[in-house]
Amino acid sequence: MTRGNATSLARVQGAYYVASGLWPLVHLPSFLAVTGPKAEHWLVRTVGLLTTVIGAQLLVAARSDAAASVAPLGAGAAVAFATIDTLYVGRRRIRPVYLLDAAAQLPLALAWLWSRSRKRSGL
């Protein structure tokens, strides 16, 4: 993976995660208006904090030229979020708006995986 590709990926994903993670922490009513009612507000806030921490780590790695080292974190988090989004929309437990998040997560995961495969092949 070239340093530029990893840095760009970490920067984009990190910014997305910090913004989306802070949203329910800063203004829970608007978050719930878009994503639907939730029975456990503490759980929404917990996921928001964890998403923010992952995003912050990606941003720190991008700034310190260590972005390639967070590829497993970036790809793994994106796959996890996309899986939950699609699985629970399919089960009608969460609103279809979560498919927009899945549509953002899947390209991030694929980009990390593609970049790592290019590094291994020497491209």
N, C-alpha and C. Protein backbone atom coordinates (compact mmCIF):
# COMPACT_ATOMS: atom_id res chain seq x y z
N MET A 1 0.86 -1.17 0.00
CA MET A 1 0.00 0.00 0.00
C MET A 1 0.90 1.23 0.00
N THR A 2 0.66 2.12 -0.92
CA THR A 2 1.46 3.33 -0.92
C THR A 2 1.05 4.21 0.25
N ARG A 3 1.99 4.98 0.71
CA ARG A 3 1.73 5.84 1.85
C ARG A 3 0.61 6.83 1.55
N GLY A 4 0.58 7.37 0.34
CA GLY A 4 -0.45 8.33 -0.03
C GLY A 4 -1.84 7.73 -0.02
N ASN A 5 -1.98 6.50 -0.54
CA ASN A 5 -3.28 5.84 -0.54
C ASN A 5 -3.76 5.59 0.88
N ALA A 6 -2.90 5.06 1.72
CA ALA A 6 -3.27 4.76 3.10
C ALA A 6 -3.60 6.03 3.86
N THR A 7 -2.82 7.06 3.65
CA THR A 7 -3.06 8.33 4.33
C THR A 7 -4.40 8.91 3.92
N SER A 8 -4.70 8.89 2.64
CA SER A 8 -5.98 9.42 2.16
C SER A 8 -7.14 8.60 2.71
N LEU A 9 -7.03 7.29 2.67
CA LEU A 9 -8.09 6.43 3.20
C LEU A 9 -8.31 6.68 4.69
N ALA A 10 -7.22 6.74 5.45
CA ALA A 10 -7.33 6.96 6.89
C ALA A 10 -7.95 8.32 7.18
N ARG A 11 -7.58 9.31 6.39
CA ARG A 11 -8.11 10.66 6.60
C ARG A 11 -9.62 10.71 6.30
N VAL A 12 -10.04 10.14 5.18
CA VAL A 12 -11.46 10.15 4.81
C VAL A 12 -12.29 9.35 5.80
N GLN A 13 -11.86 8.13 6.08
CA GLN A 13 -12.63 7.29 7.00
C GLN A 13 -12.62 7.87 8.40
N GLY A 14 -11.49 8.39 8.83
CA GLY A 14 -11.41 8.99 10.15
C GLY A 14 -12.35 10.17 10.31
N ALA A 15 -12.39 11.04 9.31
CA ALA A 15 -13.29 12.19 9.38
C ALA A 15 -14.75 11.74 9.40
N TYR A 16 -15.08 10.75 8.57
CA TYR A 16 -16.44 10.23 8.53
C TYR A 16 -16.84 9.63 9.87
N TYR A 17 -15.94 8.87 10.48
CA TYR A 17 -16.25 8.22 11.76
C TYR A 17 -16.35 9.24 12.89
N VAL A 18 -15.48 10.22 12.92
CA VAL A 18 -15.56 11.23 13.97
C VAL A 18 -16.88 11.99 13.85
N ALA A 19 -17.23 12.40 12.64
CA ALA A 19 -18.48 13.14 12.45
C ALA A 19 -19.69 12.30 12.81
N SER A 20 -19.74 11.07 12.31
CA SER A 20 -20.92 10.23 12.58
C SER A 20 -20.95 9.75 14.03
N GLY A 21 -19.79 9.58 14.64
CA GLY A 21 -19.75 9.17 16.03
C GLY A 21 -20.15 10.28 16.99
N LEU A 22 -19.78 11.50 16.66
CA LEU A 22 -20.13 12.63 17.53
C LEU A 22 -21.59 13.03 17.43
N TRP A 23 -22.21 12.77 16.28
CA TRP A 23 -23.59 13.21 16.08
C TRP A 23 -24.53 12.82 17.20
N PRO A 24 -24.64 11.53 17.59
CA PRO A 24 -25.58 11.22 18.68
C PRO A 24 -25.14 11.77 20.03
N LEU A 25 -23.87 12.08 20.17
CA LEU A 25 -23.38 12.64 21.43
C LEU A 25 -23.70 14.11 21.54
N VAL A 26 -23.64 14.81 20.41
CA VAL A 26 -23.86 16.25 20.40
C VAL A 26 -25.34 16.58 20.35
N HIS A 27 -26.12 15.82 19.53
CA HIS A 27 -27.54 16.13 19.40
C HIS A 27 -28.34 14.85 19.16
N LEU A 28 -28.60 14.13 20.24
CA LEU A 28 -29.32 12.87 20.16
C LEU A 28 -30.70 13.01 19.50
N PRO A 29 -31.47 14.07 19.78
CA PRO A 29 -32.80 14.17 19.15
C PRO A 29 -32.75 14.15 17.61
N SER A 30 -31.80 14.85 17.00
CA SER A 30 -31.74 14.85 15.53
C SER A 30 -31.26 13.50 15.01
N PHE A 31 -30.35 12.87 15.74
CA PHE A 31 -29.89 11.54 15.36
C PHE A 31 -31.06 10.55 15.35
N LEU A 32 -31.86 10.59 16.39
CA LEU A 32 -33.01 9.68 16.49
C LEU A 32 -34.08 10.01 15.46
N ALA A 33 -34.22 11.29 15.12
CA ALA A 33 -35.21 11.68 14.11
C ALA A 33 -34.87 11.06 12.75
N VAL A 34 -33.59 10.95 12.45
CA VAL A 34 -33.16 10.38 11.17
C VAL A 34 -33.10 8.86 11.22
N THR A 35 -32.54 8.32 12.28
CA THR A 35 -32.27 6.88 12.34
C THR A 35 -33.37 6.06 12.98
N GLY A 36 -34.31 6.73 13.64
CA GLY A 36 -35.41 6.03 14.28
C GLY A 36 -35.22 5.95 15.78
N PRO A 37 -36.32 5.68 16.49
CA PRO A 37 -36.25 5.59 17.95
C PRO A 37 -35.39 4.41 18.39
N LYS A 38 -34.76 4.59 19.52
CA LYS A 38 -33.92 3.54 20.10
C LYS A 38 -34.34 3.34 21.55
N ALA A 39 -34.39 2.09 21.97
CA ALA A 39 -34.78 1.77 23.33
C ALA A 39 -33.68 2.09 24.34
N GLU A 40 -32.45 1.98 23.92
CA GLU A 40 -31.30 2.13 24.83
C GLU A 40 -30.41 3.30 24.40
N HIS A 41 -30.65 4.47 24.94
CA HIS A 41 -29.85 5.64 24.56
C HIS A 41 -28.41 5.50 25.02
N TRP A 42 -28.16 4.82 26.09
CA TRP A 42 -26.79 4.61 26.55
C TRP A 42 -26.01 3.81 25.50
N LEU A 43 -26.67 2.87 24.84
CA LEU A 43 -26.00 2.06 23.83
C LEU A 43 -25.69 2.89 22.58
N VAL A 44 -26.60 3.77 22.21
CA VAL A 44 -26.36 4.68 21.08
C VAL A 44 -25.14 5.53 21.38
N ARG A 45 -25.07 6.05 22.58
CA ARG A 45 -23.92 6.90 22.97
C ARG A 45 -22.62 6.08 23.03
N THR A 46 -22.70 4.85 23.49
CA THR A 46 -21.51 3.98 23.55
C THR A 46 -20.96 3.73 22.15
N VAL A 47 -21.84 3.38 21.22
CA VAL A 47 -21.41 3.15 19.83
C VAL A 47 -20.87 4.45 19.25
N GLY A 48 -21.50 5.57 19.55
CA GLY A 48 -20.99 6.86 19.09
C GLY A 48 -19.59 7.15 19.59
N LEU A 49 -19.36 6.90 20.87
CA LEU A 49 -18.01 7.12 21.43
C LEU A 49 -16.99 6.19 20.80
N LEU A 50 -17.33 4.92 20.64
CA LEU A 50 -16.40 3.97 20.04
C LEU A 50 -16.10 4.33 18.58
N THR A 51 -17.11 4.75 17.85
CA THR A 51 -16.91 5.18 16.47
C THR A 51 -15.99 6.39 16.42
N THR A 52 -16.18 7.32 17.33
CA THR A 52 -15.33 8.51 17.40
C THR A 52 -13.90 8.13 17.72
N VAL A 53 -13.69 7.21 18.64
CA VAL A 53 -12.33 6.77 18.99
C VAL A 53 -11.64 6.11 17.80
N ILE A 54 -12.37 5.26 17.07
CA ILE A 54 -11.79 4.63 15.88
C ILE A 54 -11.42 5.70 14.86
N GLY A 55 -12.33 6.64 14.64
CA GLY A 55 -12.05 7.72 13.69
C GLY A 55 -10.85 8.55 14.11
N ALA A 56 -10.76 8.86 15.39
CA ALA A 56 -9.62 9.65 15.88
C ALA A 56 -8.31 8.90 15.67
N GLN A 57 -8.31 7.60 15.91
CA GLN A 57 -7.09 6.81 15.70
C GLN A 57 -6.68 6.81 14.23
N LEU A 58 -7.66 6.69 13.34
CA LEU A 58 -7.36 6.75 11.90
C LEU A 58 -6.76 8.11 11.53
N LEU A 59 -7.31 9.18 12.09
CA LEU A 59 -6.79 10.52 11.80
C LEU A 59 -5.38 10.71 12.36
N VAL A 60 -5.14 10.20 13.55
CA VAL A 60 -3.79 10.30 14.14
C VAL A 60 -2.79 9.55 13.28
N ALA A 61 -3.16 8.36 12.84
CA ALA A 61 -2.27 7.56 12.00
C ALA A 61 -1.99 8.26 10.67
N ALA A 62 -3.01 8.92 10.11
CA ALA A 62 -2.82 9.65 8.85
C ALA A 62 -1.84 10.80 9.02
N ARG A 63 -1.90 11.46 10.15
CA ARG A 63 -1.00 12.60 10.40
C ARG A 63 0.42 12.17 10.71
N SER A 64 0.60 10.95 11.21
CA SER A 64 1.94 10.52 11.63
C SER A 64 2.59 9.59 10.61
N ASP A 65 2.06 9.54 9.40
CA ASP A 65 2.59 8.66 8.35
C ASP A 65 2.57 7.19 8.75
N ALA A 66 1.64 6.82 9.63
CA ALA A 66 1.50 5.43 10.04
C ALA A 66 0.17 4.86 9.57
N ALA A 67 -0.39 5.44 8.53
CA ALA A 67 -1.72 5.04 8.09
C ALA A 67 -1.78 3.58 7.65
N ALA A 68 -0.74 3.08 7.03
CA ALA A 68 -0.75 1.68 6.58
C ALA A 68 -0.91 0.72 7.76
N SER A 69 -0.43 1.13 8.93
CA SER A 69 -0.52 0.25 10.11
C SER A 69 -1.94 0.11 10.64
N VAL A 70 -2.83 1.02 10.27
CA VAL A 70 -4.22 0.93 10.74
C VAL A 70 -5.14 0.33 9.69
N ALA A 71 -4.58 -0.23 8.64
CA ALA A 71 -5.40 -0.86 7.60
C ALA A 71 -6.34 -1.92 8.17
N PRO A 72 -5.87 -2.81 9.06
CA PRO A 72 -6.80 -3.79 9.62
C PRO A 72 -7.93 -3.14 10.42
N LEU A 73 -7.63 -2.08 11.13
CA LEU A 73 -8.66 -1.36 11.88
C LEU A 73 -9.66 -0.71 10.92
N GLY A 74 -9.17 -0.04 9.91
CA GLY A 74 -10.04 0.63 8.95
C GLY A 74 -10.93 -0.36 8.21
N ALA A 75 -10.33 -1.40 7.68
CA ALA A 75 -11.10 -2.40 6.92
C ALA A 75 -12.05 -3.15 7.84
N GLY A 76 -11.57 -3.56 8.99
CA GLY A 76 -12.40 -4.33 9.92
C GLY A 76 -13.59 -3.55 10.43
N ALA A 77 -13.37 -2.30 10.79
CA ALA A 77 -14.48 -1.47 11.28
C ALA A 77 -15.51 -1.26 10.17
N ALA A 78 -15.04 -1.00 8.96
CA ALA A 78 -15.97 -0.78 7.85
C ALA A 78 -16.80 -2.02 7.56
N VAL A 79 -16.16 -3.19 7.56
CA VAL A 79 -16.89 -4.44 7.33
C VAL A 79 -17.90 -4.67 8.46
N ALA A 80 -17.49 -4.42 9.69
CA ALA A 80 -18.39 -4.62 10.83
C ALA A 80 -19.62 -3.72 10.74
N PHE A 81 -19.41 -2.43 10.48
CA PHE A 81 -20.54 -1.51 10.38
C PHE A 81 -21.45 -1.87 9.20
N ALA A 82 -20.86 -2.18 8.05
CA ALA A 82 -21.67 -2.53 6.87
C ALA A 82 -22.47 -3.80 7.12
N THR A 83 -21.88 -4.76 7.81
CA THR A 83 -22.58 -6.01 8.12
C THR A 83 -23.78 -5.76 9.01
N ILE A 84 -23.58 -4.99 10.07
CA ILE A 84 -24.68 -4.70 10.99
C ILE A 84 -25.76 -3.89 10.27
N ASP A 85 -25.34 -2.90 9.48
CA ASP A 85 -26.31 -2.09 8.73
C ASP A 85 -27.20 -2.96 7.86
N THR A 86 -26.61 -3.79 7.04
CA THR A 86 -27.39 -4.57 6.08
C THR A 86 -28.18 -5.68 6.77
N LEU A 87 -27.58 -6.32 7.74
CA LEU A 87 -28.26 -7.42 8.44
C LEU A 87 -29.52 -6.94 9.15
N TYR A 88 -29.40 -5.85 9.88
CA TYR A 88 -30.53 -5.39 10.68
C TYR A 88 -31.56 -4.57 9.91
N VAL A 89 -31.16 -3.98 8.78
CA VAL A 89 -32.17 -3.40 7.89
C VAL A 89 -32.98 -4.55 7.29
N GLY A 90 -32.30 -5.61 6.88
CA GLY A 90 -32.97 -6.78 6.33
C GLY A 90 -33.94 -7.43 7.29
N ARG A 91 -33.61 -7.37 8.56
CA ARG A 91 -34.49 -7.93 9.60
C ARG A 91 -35.53 -6.93 10.08
N ARG A 92 -35.51 -5.74 9.49
CA ARG A 92 -36.44 -4.65 9.82
C ARG A 92 -36.34 -4.22 11.29
N ARG A 93 -35.13 -4.26 11.81
CA ARG A 93 -34.88 -3.80 13.18
C ARG A 93 -34.42 -2.35 13.20
N ILE A 94 -33.83 -1.91 12.08
CA ILE A 94 -33.40 -0.52 11.95
C ILE A 94 -33.90 0.01 10.61
N ARG A 95 -33.95 1.32 10.50
CA ARG A 95 -34.49 1.97 9.30
C ARG A 95 -33.57 1.78 8.09
N PRO A 96 -34.17 1.78 6.90
CA PRO A 96 -33.38 1.66 5.67
C PRO A 96 -32.34 2.76 5.47
N VAL A 97 -32.44 3.87 6.20
CA VAL A 97 -31.43 4.93 6.09
C VAL A 97 -30.03 4.37 6.42
N TYR A 98 -29.97 3.32 7.18
CA TYR A 98 -28.68 2.71 7.52
C TYR A 98 -28.00 2.11 6.29
N LEU A 99 -28.75 1.86 5.23
CA LEU A 99 -28.13 1.37 4.00
C LEU A 99 -27.25 2.44 3.37
N LEU A 100 -27.53 3.71 3.65
CA LEU A 100 -26.63 4.77 3.19
C LEU A 100 -25.27 4.65 3.87
N ASP A 101 -25.28 4.30 5.14
CA ASP A 101 -24.03 4.08 5.84
C ASP A 101 -23.30 2.87 5.26
N ALA A 102 -24.03 1.78 5.02
CA ALA A 102 -23.42 0.60 4.41
C ALA A 102 -22.80 0.94 3.06
N ALA A 103 -23.48 1.80 2.30
CA ALA A 103 -22.96 2.20 0.99
C ALA A 103 -21.67 3.01 1.12
N ALA A 104 -21.46 3.65 2.24
CA ALA A 104 -20.20 4.36 2.49
C ALA A 104 -19.14 3.41 3.04
N GLN A 105 -19.55 2.46 3.87
CA GLN A 105 -18.61 1.56 4.53
C GLN A 105 -17.98 0.55 3.56
N LEU A 106 -18.79 -0.02 2.68
CA LEU A 106 -18.26 -1.06 1.78
C LEU A 106 -17.13 -0.57 0.89
N PRO A 107 -17.25 0.60 0.26
CA PRO A 107 -16.11 1.07 -0.54
C PRO A 107 -14.85 1.33 0.31
N LEU A 108 -15.04 1.76 1.54
CA LEU A 108 -13.88 1.95 2.42
C LEU A 108 -13.18 0.62 2.68
N ALA A 109 -13.95 -0.40 3.02
CA ALA A 109 -13.37 -1.72 3.28
C ALA A 109 -12.66 -2.24 2.03
N LEU A 110 -13.32 -2.13 0.89
CA LEU A 110 -12.72 -2.61 -0.35
C LEU A 110 -11.46 -1.84 -0.71
N ALA A 111 -11.46 -0.54 -0.45
CA ALA A 111 -10.27 0.26 -0.75
C ALA A 111 -9.09 -0.16 0.11
N TRP A 112 -9.33 -0.43 1.40
CA TRP A 112 -8.24 -0.91 2.26
C TRP A 112 -7.72 -2.26 1.77
N LEU A 113 -8.63 -3.15 1.45
CA LEU A 113 -8.22 -4.48 0.99
C LEU A 113 -7.51 -4.42 -0.35
N TRP A 114 -7.99 -3.61 -1.25
CA TRP A 114 -7.36 -3.45 -2.56
C TRP A 114 -5.97 -2.85 -2.40
N SER A 115 -5.83 -1.86 -1.55
CA SER A 115 -4.52 -1.23 -1.33
C SER A 115 -3.52 -2.21 -0.75
N ARG A 116 -3.98 -3.04 0.16
CA ARG A 116 -3.06 -4.04 0.75
C ARG A 116 -2.67 -5.09 -0.27
N SER A 117 -3.60 -5.48 -1.13
CA SER A 117 -3.27 -6.48 -2.15
C SER A 117 -2.29 -5.91 -3.17
N ARG A 118 -2.42 -4.62 -3.48
CA ARG A 118 -1.48 -3.98 -4.39
C ARG A 118 -0.09 -3.94 -3.78
N LYS A 119 -0.01 -3.71 -2.49
CA LYS A 119 1.30 -3.69 -1.82
C LYS A 119 1.95 -5.05 -1.92
N ARG A 120 1.17 -6.11 -1.67
CA ARG A 120 1.72 -7.47 -1.72
C ARG A 120 2.17 -7.86 -3.12
N SER A 121 1.48 -7.36 -4.14
CA SER A 121 1.83 -7.70 -5.52
C SER A 121 2.92 -6.80 -6.07
N GLY A 122 3.32 -5.80 -5.29
CA GLY A 122 4.40 -4.91 -5.70
C GLY A 122 3.99 -3.80 -6.64
N LEU A 123 2.70 -3.54 -6.74
CA LEU A 123 2.23 -2.47 -7.63
C LEU A 123 2.28 -1.13 -6.95
